Amino acid sequence: MYSLEESFMEFSETTDSKLGFAAGLYVEKPLSDMFSLQFEALFVQKGGEDEFGSETLSYVDIPVLLKVNIPLDGDITPYVYGGGFAGYLIDAKAEDNGDSYDIDEFLDDFNYGVAFGAGVSFGMFNVDIRYDMGLANILDADDEVAGMFGEEGLEVSTKGFMLTAGITF
């Protein structure tokens, strides 16, 4: 077994994708037949895993997206969208060999970035795929964490794909 510091050091490296959970609500404000603004409130798990263990970061994300609807005949409407998001960290855990550690003290509470994707609506049902790229360095630079890494200017950010399905009311 190794210490939390050693486990967290691996977190700073590029890690493999990890399947997470996302759920939330959205409101769409039409601007025209083709354009709309979409406001969302999401619970999103982000993280990664490698040979040393895994990390799960739970956020409340608030994306604001410009959506371009591509009208077709019938109930099928493809769309593309893009915009920004702000996120608040509510929990962060690292796991190795069955042991779990809280790591939120090493991370900033706030995250922000860009999101873009595409999807299709079938009447009141929709499905889409999104790429979410954090632009913030989520490593808490004010903490004593920098000394643990032995590397000045270390940056940690989030990124990943999200597959969603929804119902519009």
N, C-alpha and C. Protein backbone atom coordinates (compact mmCIF):
# COMPACT_ATOMS: atom_id res chain seq x y z
N MET A 1 0.84 -1.18 0.00
CA MET A 1 0.00 0.00 0.00
C MET A 1 0.88 1.24 0.00
N TYR A 2 0.38 2.31 -0.62
CA TYR A 2 1.14 3.55 -0.64
C TYR A 2 0.29 4.68 -0.09
N SER A 3 0.93 5.80 0.19
CA SER A 3 0.25 6.89 0.87
C SER A 3 -0.65 7.68 -0.08
N LEU A 4 -1.49 8.52 0.52
CA LEU A 4 -2.37 9.38 -0.25
C LEU A 4 -1.56 10.28 -1.18
N GLU A 5 -0.44 10.79 -0.70
CA GLU A 5 0.38 11.67 -1.52
C GLU A 5 0.85 10.95 -2.78
N GLU A 6 1.29 9.70 -2.64
CA GLU A 6 1.72 8.94 -3.80
C GLU A 6 0.53 8.65 -4.72
N SER A 7 -0.62 8.34 -4.14
CA SER A 7 -1.80 8.09 -4.94
C SER A 7 -2.22 9.34 -5.69
N PHE A 8 -2.21 10.48 -5.03
CA PHE A 8 -2.63 11.71 -5.66
C PHE A 8 -1.65 12.16 -6.74
N MET A 9 -0.37 11.83 -6.58
CA MET A 9 0.61 12.18 -7.61
C MET A 9 0.25 11.52 -8.92
N GLU A 10 -0.25 10.30 -8.87
CA GLU A 10 -0.66 9.63 -10.10
C GLU A 10 -1.87 10.31 -10.72
N PHE A 11 -2.69 10.95 -9.88
CA PHE A 11 -3.85 11.68 -10.37
C PHE A 11 -3.42 12.83 -11.28
N SER A 12 -2.23 13.37 -11.06
CA SER A 12 -1.76 14.49 -11.85
C SER A 12 -1.39 14.08 -13.27
N GLU A 13 -1.15 12.81 -13.48
CA GLU A 13 -0.79 12.31 -14.80
C GLU A 13 -2.04 12.06 -15.64
N THR A 14 -1.86 11.91 -16.94
CA THR A 14 -2.98 11.57 -17.80
C THR A 14 -3.50 10.19 -17.40
N THR A 15 -4.81 10.08 -17.25
CA THR A 15 -5.39 8.81 -16.84
C THR A 15 -6.37 8.33 -17.89
N ASP A 16 -6.71 7.05 -17.81
CA ASP A 16 -7.70 6.48 -18.71
C ASP A 16 -9.09 6.98 -18.31
N SER A 17 -9.99 6.90 -19.25
CA SER A 17 -11.37 7.32 -18.99
C SER A 17 -12.01 6.44 -17.93
N LYS A 18 -12.97 7.03 -17.26
CA LYS A 18 -13.73 6.31 -16.24
C LYS A 18 -15.21 6.59 -16.49
N LEU A 19 -16.01 5.55 -16.44
CA LEU A 19 -17.44 5.71 -16.61
C LEU A 19 -18.01 6.39 -15.38
N GLY A 20 -18.80 7.44 -15.58
CA GLY A 20 -19.41 8.16 -14.48
C GLY A 20 -20.90 8.34 -14.70
N PHE A 21 -21.52 9.06 -13.81
CA PHE A 21 -22.96 9.27 -13.84
C PHE A 21 -23.24 10.76 -14.02
N ALA A 22 -24.28 11.08 -14.77
CA ALA A 22 -24.73 12.47 -14.92
C ALA A 22 -26.25 12.49 -14.95
N ALA A 23 -26.82 13.51 -14.34
CA ALA A 23 -28.27 13.70 -14.36
C ALA A 23 -28.55 15.18 -14.14
N GLY A 24 -29.68 15.62 -14.68
CA GLY A 24 -30.01 17.02 -14.47
C GLY A 24 -31.24 17.47 -15.22
N LEU A 25 -31.40 18.77 -15.25
CA LEU A 25 -32.53 19.42 -15.88
C LEU A 25 -32.03 20.49 -16.84
N TYR A 26 -32.85 20.80 -17.84
CA TYR A 26 -32.50 21.90 -18.72
C TYR A 26 -33.74 22.67 -19.12
N VAL A 27 -33.53 23.92 -19.49
CA VAL A 27 -34.58 24.79 -20.00
C VAL A 27 -34.06 25.36 -21.30
N GLU A 28 -34.90 25.30 -22.34
CA GLU A 28 -34.52 25.81 -23.65
C GLU A 28 -35.35 27.05 -23.96
N LYS A 29 -34.67 28.12 -24.33
CA LYS A 29 -35.32 29.39 -24.69
C LYS A 29 -35.11 29.63 -26.18
N PRO A 30 -36.17 29.44 -27.00
CA PRO A 30 -36.05 29.66 -28.45
C PRO A 30 -35.74 31.12 -28.77
N LEU A 31 -34.78 31.34 -29.68
CA LEU A 31 -34.48 32.68 -30.18
C LEU A 31 -35.06 32.87 -31.57
N SER A 32 -35.19 31.76 -32.31
CA SER A 32 -35.79 31.73 -33.65
C SER A 32 -36.12 30.27 -33.94
N ASP A 33 -36.52 29.95 -35.18
CA ASP A 33 -36.79 28.56 -35.54
C ASP A 33 -35.53 27.70 -35.48
N MET A 34 -34.39 28.32 -35.75
CA MET A 34 -33.13 27.56 -35.79
C MET A 34 -32.32 27.66 -34.51
N PHE A 35 -32.36 28.78 -33.82
CA PHE A 35 -31.47 29.02 -32.69
C PHE A 35 -32.21 29.06 -31.37
N SER A 36 -31.54 28.55 -30.34
CA SER A 36 -32.09 28.64 -28.98
C SER A 36 -30.94 28.67 -27.99
N LEU A 37 -31.23 29.13 -26.79
CA LEU A 37 -30.30 29.05 -25.68
C LEU A 37 -30.78 27.93 -24.77
N GLN A 38 -29.82 27.13 -24.30
CA GLN A 38 -30.17 26.02 -23.40
C GLN A 38 -29.40 26.21 -22.10
N PHE A 39 -30.14 26.31 -20.99
CA PHE A 39 -29.57 26.45 -19.65
C PHE A 39 -29.75 25.12 -18.94
N GLU A 40 -28.68 24.63 -18.30
CA GLU A 40 -28.73 23.33 -17.65
C GLU A 40 -28.24 23.41 -16.21
N ALA A 41 -28.69 22.49 -15.39
CA ALA A 41 -28.17 22.25 -14.04
C ALA A 41 -27.94 20.75 -13.96
N LEU A 42 -26.66 20.34 -13.83
CA LEU A 42 -26.30 18.93 -13.91
C LEU A 42 -25.48 18.48 -12.71
N PHE A 43 -25.73 17.27 -12.25
CA PHE A 43 -24.81 16.57 -11.36
C PHE A 43 -23.96 15.70 -12.28
N VAL A 44 -22.63 15.86 -12.23
CA VAL A 44 -21.75 15.14 -13.15
C VAL A 44 -20.58 14.55 -12.37
N GLN A 45 -20.30 13.26 -12.63
CA GLN A 45 -19.10 12.63 -12.08
C GLN A 45 -18.02 12.65 -13.16
N LYS A 46 -16.84 13.13 -12.79
CA LYS A 46 -15.69 13.16 -13.68
C LYS A 46 -14.56 12.43 -12.98
N GLY A 47 -13.58 11.99 -13.71
CA GLY A 47 -12.47 11.31 -13.07
C GLY A 47 -11.71 10.45 -14.04
N GLY A 48 -10.85 9.63 -13.50
CA GLY A 48 -10.03 8.75 -14.32
C GLY A 48 -9.51 7.60 -13.51
N GLU A 49 -8.85 6.68 -14.21
CA GLU A 49 -8.26 5.54 -13.52
C GLU A 49 -6.98 5.12 -14.24
N ASP A 50 -6.09 4.55 -13.46
CA ASP A 50 -4.85 4.01 -14.01
C ASP A 50 -4.48 2.79 -13.19
N GLU A 51 -3.27 2.29 -13.37
CA GLU A 51 -2.88 1.06 -12.67
C GLU A 51 -2.77 1.24 -11.16
N PHE A 52 -2.77 2.48 -10.68
CA PHE A 52 -2.63 2.73 -9.24
C PHE A 52 -3.97 2.89 -8.53
N GLY A 53 -5.04 3.16 -9.28
CA GLY A 53 -6.34 3.38 -8.66
C GLY A 53 -7.20 4.28 -9.51
N SER A 54 -8.20 4.90 -8.87
CA SER A 54 -9.11 5.76 -9.61
C SER A 54 -9.48 6.98 -8.78
N GLU A 55 -9.95 8.01 -9.46
CA GLU A 55 -10.40 9.23 -8.83
C GLU A 55 -11.80 9.55 -9.36
N THR A 56 -12.69 9.95 -8.48
CA THR A 56 -14.03 10.36 -8.87
C THR A 56 -14.29 11.74 -8.30
N LEU A 57 -14.56 12.69 -9.18
CA LEU A 57 -14.87 14.06 -8.79
C LEU A 57 -16.33 14.32 -9.11
N SER A 58 -17.10 14.73 -8.13
CA SER A 58 -18.53 15.00 -8.33
C SER A 58 -18.75 16.51 -8.35
N TYR A 59 -19.36 16.97 -9.43
CA TYR A 59 -19.59 18.40 -9.64
C TYR A 59 -21.07 18.70 -9.84
N VAL A 60 -21.46 19.93 -9.53
CA VAL A 60 -22.69 20.52 -10.02
C VAL A 60 -22.23 21.48 -11.11
N ASP A 61 -22.58 21.17 -12.35
CA ASP A 61 -22.20 22.00 -13.50
C ASP A 61 -23.41 22.79 -13.99
N ILE A 62 -23.15 24.03 -14.41
CA ILE A 62 -24.18 24.89 -14.98
C ILE A 62 -23.71 25.30 -16.38
N PRO A 63 -24.09 24.53 -17.42
CA PRO A 63 -23.76 24.92 -18.79
C PRO A 63 -24.78 25.92 -19.35
N VAL A 64 -24.30 26.82 -20.19
CA VAL A 64 -25.13 27.72 -20.98
C VAL A 64 -24.70 27.50 -22.43
N LEU A 65 -25.62 26.99 -23.25
CA LEU A 65 -25.28 26.54 -24.60
C LEU A 65 -26.10 27.25 -25.66
N LEU A 66 -25.48 27.58 -26.77
CA LEU A 66 -26.18 28.05 -27.96
C LEU A 66 -26.46 26.83 -28.81
N LYS A 67 -27.73 26.59 -29.10
CA LYS A 67 -28.15 25.39 -29.82
C LYS A 67 -28.64 25.79 -31.20
N VAL A 68 -28.17 25.06 -32.22
CA VAL A 68 -28.60 25.27 -33.60
C VAL A 68 -29.40 24.05 -34.01
N ASN A 69 -30.71 24.25 -34.20
CA ASN A 69 -31.61 23.18 -34.63
C ASN A 69 -31.61 23.12 -36.16
N ILE A 70 -31.57 21.92 -36.70
CA ILE A 70 -31.58 21.72 -38.15
C ILE A 70 -32.94 21.12 -38.50
N PRO A 71 -33.92 21.98 -38.87
CA PRO A 71 -35.28 21.48 -39.09
C PRO A 71 -35.37 20.54 -40.29
N LEU A 72 -36.06 19.43 -40.08
CA LEU A 72 -36.36 18.46 -41.14
C LEU A 72 -37.87 18.24 -41.14
N ASP A 73 -38.37 17.60 -42.16
CA ASP A 73 -39.79 17.24 -42.18
C ASP A 73 -40.05 16.17 -41.13
N GLY A 74 -41.14 16.29 -40.41
CA GLY A 74 -41.49 15.28 -39.41
C GLY A 74 -41.03 15.68 -38.03
N ASP A 75 -40.97 14.68 -37.15
CA ASP A 75 -40.62 14.90 -35.74
C ASP A 75 -39.13 14.79 -35.46
N ILE A 76 -38.29 14.52 -36.45
CA ILE A 76 -36.85 14.34 -36.22
C ILE A 76 -36.14 15.68 -36.45
N THR A 77 -35.40 16.13 -35.42
CA THR A 77 -34.67 17.39 -35.52
C THR A 77 -33.23 17.19 -35.03
N PRO A 78 -32.26 17.12 -35.93
CA PRO A 78 -30.86 17.10 -35.50
C PRO A 78 -30.46 18.49 -34.98
N TYR A 79 -29.44 18.52 -34.14
CA TYR A 79 -28.96 19.80 -33.62
C TYR A 79 -27.49 19.70 -33.25
N VAL A 80 -26.85 20.85 -33.19
CA VAL A 80 -25.48 20.99 -32.69
C VAL A 80 -25.51 22.11 -31.65
N TYR A 81 -24.57 22.11 -30.75
CA TYR A 81 -24.55 23.15 -29.73
C TYR A 81 -23.14 23.35 -29.20
N GLY A 82 -22.94 24.48 -28.56
CA GLY A 82 -21.67 24.78 -27.92
C GLY A 82 -21.86 25.91 -26.93
N GLY A 83 -20.95 25.99 -25.99
CA GLY A 83 -21.03 27.05 -25.00
C GLY A 83 -20.06 26.80 -23.86
N GLY A 84 -20.33 27.43 -22.75
CA GLY A 84 -19.46 27.31 -21.59
C GLY A 84 -20.19 26.71 -20.41
N PHE A 85 -19.40 26.33 -19.40
CA PHE A 85 -19.98 25.82 -18.16
C PHE A 85 -19.15 26.31 -16.98
N ALA A 86 -19.82 26.40 -15.86
CA ALA A 86 -19.16 26.64 -14.58
C ALA A 86 -19.55 25.48 -13.69
N GLY A 87 -18.61 25.02 -12.88
CA GLY A 87 -18.88 23.88 -12.02
C GLY A 87 -18.40 24.10 -10.60
N TYR A 88 -19.09 23.45 -9.66
CA TYR A 88 -18.72 23.51 -8.25
C TYR A 88 -18.48 22.08 -7.75
N LEU A 89 -17.30 21.85 -7.20
CA LEU A 89 -16.92 20.52 -6.68
C LEU A 89 -17.67 20.25 -5.38
N ILE A 90 -18.40 19.12 -5.34
CA ILE A 90 -19.11 18.77 -4.11
C ILE A 90 -18.48 17.56 -3.41
N ASP A 91 -17.66 16.77 -4.13
CA ASP A 91 -17.01 15.62 -3.51
C ASP A 91 -15.87 15.15 -4.42
N ALA A 92 -14.79 14.69 -3.81
CA ALA A 92 -13.66 14.15 -4.57
C ALA A 92 -13.04 13.00 -3.78
N LYS A 93 -12.94 11.85 -4.43
CA LYS A 93 -12.42 10.65 -3.78
C LYS A 93 -11.37 9.98 -4.67
N ALA A 94 -10.35 9.44 -4.04
CA ALA A 94 -9.37 8.59 -4.72
C ALA A 94 -9.47 7.21 -4.08
N GLU A 95 -9.35 6.18 -4.92
CA GLU A 95 -9.41 4.81 -4.43
C GLU A 95 -8.22 4.02 -4.93
N ASP A 96 -7.66 3.20 -4.05
CA ASP A 96 -6.63 2.24 -4.46
C ASP A 96 -6.70 1.04 -3.53
N ASN A 97 -6.60 -0.12 -4.12
CA ASN A 97 -6.63 -1.38 -3.36
C ASN A 97 -7.79 -1.45 -2.38
N GLY A 98 -8.94 -0.92 -2.76
CA GLY A 98 -10.12 -0.98 -1.91
C GLY A 98 -10.20 0.10 -0.86
N ASP A 99 -9.15 0.90 -0.70
CA ASP A 99 -9.17 2.01 0.26
C ASP A 99 -9.63 3.28 -0.45
N SER A 100 -10.39 4.12 0.26
CA SER A 100 -10.92 5.35 -0.30
C SER A 100 -10.41 6.54 0.51
N TYR A 101 -10.02 7.61 -0.19
CA TYR A 101 -9.49 8.81 0.44
C TYR A 101 -10.23 10.04 -0.07
N ASP A 102 -10.54 10.98 0.82
CA ASP A 102 -11.07 12.27 0.39
C ASP A 102 -9.91 13.10 -0.14
N ILE A 103 -10.06 13.65 -1.34
CA ILE A 103 -8.99 14.48 -1.92
C ILE A 103 -9.48 15.88 -2.24
N ASP A 104 -10.70 16.24 -1.78
CA ASP A 104 -11.22 17.56 -2.12
C ASP A 104 -10.39 18.70 -1.55
N GLU A 105 -9.66 18.46 -0.46
CA GLU A 105 -8.82 19.51 0.11
C GLU A 105 -7.66 19.90 -0.83
N PHE A 106 -7.33 19.05 -1.78
CA PHE A 106 -6.26 19.33 -2.73
C PHE A 106 -6.74 20.02 -4.00
N LEU A 107 -8.06 20.18 -4.13
CA LEU A 107 -8.64 20.70 -5.36
C LEU A 107 -9.40 22.00 -5.12
N ASP A 108 -9.39 22.87 -6.12
CA ASP A 108 -10.22 24.07 -6.07
C ASP A 108 -11.68 23.67 -6.16
N ASP A 109 -12.53 24.45 -5.52
CA ASP A 109 -13.96 24.16 -5.55
C ASP A 109 -14.59 24.49 -6.90
N PHE A 110 -14.00 25.44 -7.64
CA PHE A 110 -14.61 25.90 -8.89
C PHE A 110 -13.88 25.38 -10.11
N ASN A 111 -14.64 25.06 -11.14
CA ASN A 111 -14.13 24.60 -12.43
C ASN A 111 -14.93 25.34 -13.50
N TYR A 112 -14.34 25.53 -14.65
CA TYR A 112 -15.05 26.13 -15.77
C TYR A 112 -14.44 25.60 -17.06
N GLY A 113 -15.20 25.72 -18.13
CA GLY A 113 -14.69 25.23 -19.40
C GLY A 113 -15.69 25.41 -20.52
N VAL A 114 -15.48 24.65 -21.58
CA VAL A 114 -16.36 24.70 -22.76
C VAL A 114 -16.95 23.32 -22.99
N ALA A 115 -18.11 23.33 -23.63
CA ALA A 115 -18.79 22.07 -23.98
C ALA A 115 -19.37 22.24 -25.38
N PHE A 116 -19.29 21.19 -26.17
CA PHE A 116 -19.92 21.21 -27.49
C PHE A 116 -20.33 19.80 -27.85
N GLY A 117 -21.35 19.72 -28.71
CA GLY A 117 -21.84 18.40 -29.06
C GLY A 117 -22.89 18.45 -30.14
N ALA A 118 -23.52 17.30 -30.35
CA ALA A 118 -24.55 17.15 -31.37
C ALA A 118 -25.54 16.09 -30.90
N GLY A 119 -26.75 16.19 -31.44
CA GLY A 119 -27.76 15.22 -31.06
C GLY A 119 -28.94 15.25 -32.00
N VAL A 120 -29.96 14.53 -31.61
CA VAL A 120 -31.18 14.47 -32.41
C VAL A 120 -32.38 14.35 -31.47
N SER A 121 -33.45 15.09 -31.82
CA SER A 121 -34.71 15.00 -31.09
C SER A 121 -35.69 14.19 -31.91
N PHE A 122 -36.41 13.29 -31.24
CA PHE A 122 -37.48 12.49 -31.84
C PHE A 122 -38.75 12.87 -31.10
N GLY A 123 -39.43 13.92 -31.56
CA GLY A 123 -40.60 14.39 -30.82
C GLY A 123 -40.16 14.91 -29.47
N MET A 124 -40.65 14.31 -28.39
CA MET A 124 -40.27 14.78 -27.06
C MET A 124 -39.05 14.05 -26.47
N PHE A 125 -38.46 13.11 -27.20
CA PHE A 125 -37.26 12.40 -26.74
C PHE A 125 -36.03 12.94 -27.48
N ASN A 126 -34.90 12.94 -26.78
CA ASN A 126 -33.66 13.37 -27.44
C ASN A 126 -32.48 12.56 -26.92
N VAL A 127 -31.45 12.49 -27.76
CA VAL A 127 -30.20 11.83 -27.40
C VAL A 127 -29.08 12.65 -28.01
N ASP A 128 -27.99 12.81 -27.25
CA ASP A 128 -26.85 13.55 -27.80
C ASP A 128 -25.55 13.09 -27.18
N ILE A 129 -24.48 13.51 -27.81
CA ILE A 129 -23.13 13.27 -27.30
C ILE A 129 -22.44 14.61 -27.17
N ARG A 130 -21.70 14.77 -26.08
CA ARG A 130 -21.08 16.04 -25.75
C ARG A 130 -19.62 15.82 -25.37
N TYR A 131 -18.78 16.79 -25.73
CA TYR A 131 -17.40 16.82 -25.23
C TYR A 131 -17.30 17.99 -24.28
N ASP A 132 -16.80 17.73 -23.11
CA ASP A 132 -16.71 18.70 -22.02
C ASP A 132 -15.22 18.88 -21.72
N MET A 133 -14.69 20.11 -21.87
CA MET A 133 -13.27 20.35 -21.66
C MET A 133 -13.08 21.45 -20.61
N GLY A 134 -12.56 21.07 -19.45
CA GLY A 134 -12.28 22.04 -18.40
C GLY A 134 -11.08 22.89 -18.77
N LEU A 135 -11.18 24.18 -18.52
CA LEU A 135 -10.09 25.12 -18.81
C LEU A 135 -9.37 25.57 -17.55
N ALA A 136 -9.94 25.29 -16.40
CA ALA A 136 -9.36 25.71 -15.13
C ALA A 136 -8.35 24.69 -14.63
N ASN A 137 -7.32 25.18 -13.95
CA ASN A 137 -6.42 24.31 -13.22
C ASN A 137 -7.11 24.00 -11.90
N ILE A 138 -7.60 22.78 -11.73
CA ILE A 138 -8.38 22.44 -10.54
C ILE A 138 -7.50 22.08 -9.34
N LEU A 139 -6.18 22.00 -9.53
CA LEU A 139 -5.27 21.74 -8.42
C LEU A 139 -5.18 22.99 -7.56
N ASP A 140 -5.40 22.85 -6.27
CA ASP A 140 -5.38 23.99 -5.35
C ASP A 140 -3.95 24.47 -5.16
N ALA A 141 -3.59 25.53 -5.88
CA ALA A 141 -2.22 26.05 -5.85
C ALA A 141 -1.86 26.68 -4.51
N ASP A 142 -2.87 27.07 -3.71
CA ASP A 142 -2.60 27.70 -2.43
C ASP A 142 -2.23 26.68 -1.35
N ASP A 143 -2.46 25.41 -1.62
CA ASP A 143 -2.20 24.36 -0.65
C ASP A 143 -0.72 23.98 -0.68
N GLU A 144 -0.31 23.10 0.18
CA GLU A 144 1.06 22.61 0.19
C GLU A 144 1.25 21.49 -0.81
N VAL A 145 0.28 21.34 -1.71
CA VAL A 145 0.29 20.27 -2.69
C VAL A 145 1.48 20.38 -3.63
N ALA A 146 1.84 21.60 -4.01
CA ALA A 146 2.92 21.78 -4.99
C ALA A 146 4.20 21.09 -4.54
N GLY A 147 4.51 21.11 -3.26
CA GLY A 147 5.71 20.45 -2.76
C GLY A 147 5.65 18.94 -2.90
N MET A 148 4.46 18.37 -2.84
CA MET A 148 4.32 16.92 -2.98
C MET A 148 4.69 16.47 -4.38
N PHE A 149 4.43 17.30 -5.36
CA PHE A 149 4.67 16.92 -6.74
C PHE A 149 6.09 17.19 -7.18
N GLY A 150 6.76 18.11 -6.50
CA GLY A 150 8.12 18.44 -6.89
C GLY A 150 8.18 19.05 -8.28
N GLU A 151 7.09 19.59 -8.73
CA GLU A 151 7.04 20.16 -10.07
C GLU A 151 6.28 21.47 -10.02
N GLU A 152 6.96 22.55 -10.33
CA GLU A 152 6.31 23.86 -10.31
C GLU A 152 5.45 24.04 -11.55
N GLY A 153 4.33 24.69 -11.39
CA GLY A 153 3.46 24.97 -12.52
C GLY A 153 2.62 23.79 -12.97
N LEU A 154 2.47 22.78 -12.13
CA LEU A 154 1.66 21.61 -12.47
C LEU A 154 0.20 22.01 -12.62
N GLU A 155 -0.46 21.55 -13.68
CA GLU A 155 -1.86 21.85 -13.91
C GLU A 155 -2.66 20.56 -14.07
N VAL A 156 -3.83 20.53 -13.46
CA VAL A 156 -4.74 19.41 -13.56
C VAL A 156 -6.08 19.96 -14.06
N SER A 157 -6.64 19.34 -15.10
CA SER A 157 -7.93 19.79 -15.62
C SER A 157 -8.79 18.57 -15.95
N THR A 158 -10.07 18.83 -16.22
CA THR A 158 -11.01 17.77 -16.54
C THR A 158 -11.35 17.80 -18.02
N LYS A 159 -11.71 16.64 -18.56
CA LYS A 159 -12.22 16.56 -19.93
C LYS A 159 -12.87 15.21 -20.11
N GLY A 160 -13.83 15.16 -21.03
CA GLY A 160 -14.47 13.87 -21.26
C GLY A 160 -15.71 13.98 -22.12
N PHE A 161 -16.21 12.81 -22.51
CA PHE A 161 -17.42 12.71 -23.31
C PHE A 161 -18.59 12.37 -22.41
N MET A 162 -19.76 12.84 -22.82
CA MET A 162 -20.99 12.54 -22.09
C MET A 162 -22.06 12.14 -23.11
N LEU A 163 -22.67 11.00 -22.89
CA LEU A 163 -23.79 10.55 -23.71
C LEU A 163 -25.04 10.78 -22.88
N THR A 164 -26.00 11.53 -23.44
CA THR A 164 -27.21 11.83 -22.68
C THR A 164 -28.46 11.42 -23.44
N ALA A 165 -29.50 11.16 -22.69
CA ALA A 165 -30.83 10.90 -23.24
C ALA A 165 -31.81 11.67 -22.38
N GLY A 166 -32.84 12.23 -23.00
CA GLY A 166 -33.76 13.04 -22.22
C GLY A 166 -35.17 13.05 -22.76
N ILE A 167 -36.05 13.62 -21.95
CA ILE A 167 -37.46 13.82 -22.31
C ILE A 167 -37.75 15.30 -22.15
N THR A 168 -38.39 15.89 -23.15
CA THR A 168 -38.77 17.29 -23.09
C THR A 168 -40.24 17.40 -22.74
N PHE A 169 -40.53 18.27 -21.77
CA PHE A 169 -41.92 18.50 -21.36
C PHE A 169 -42.40 19.82 -21.89
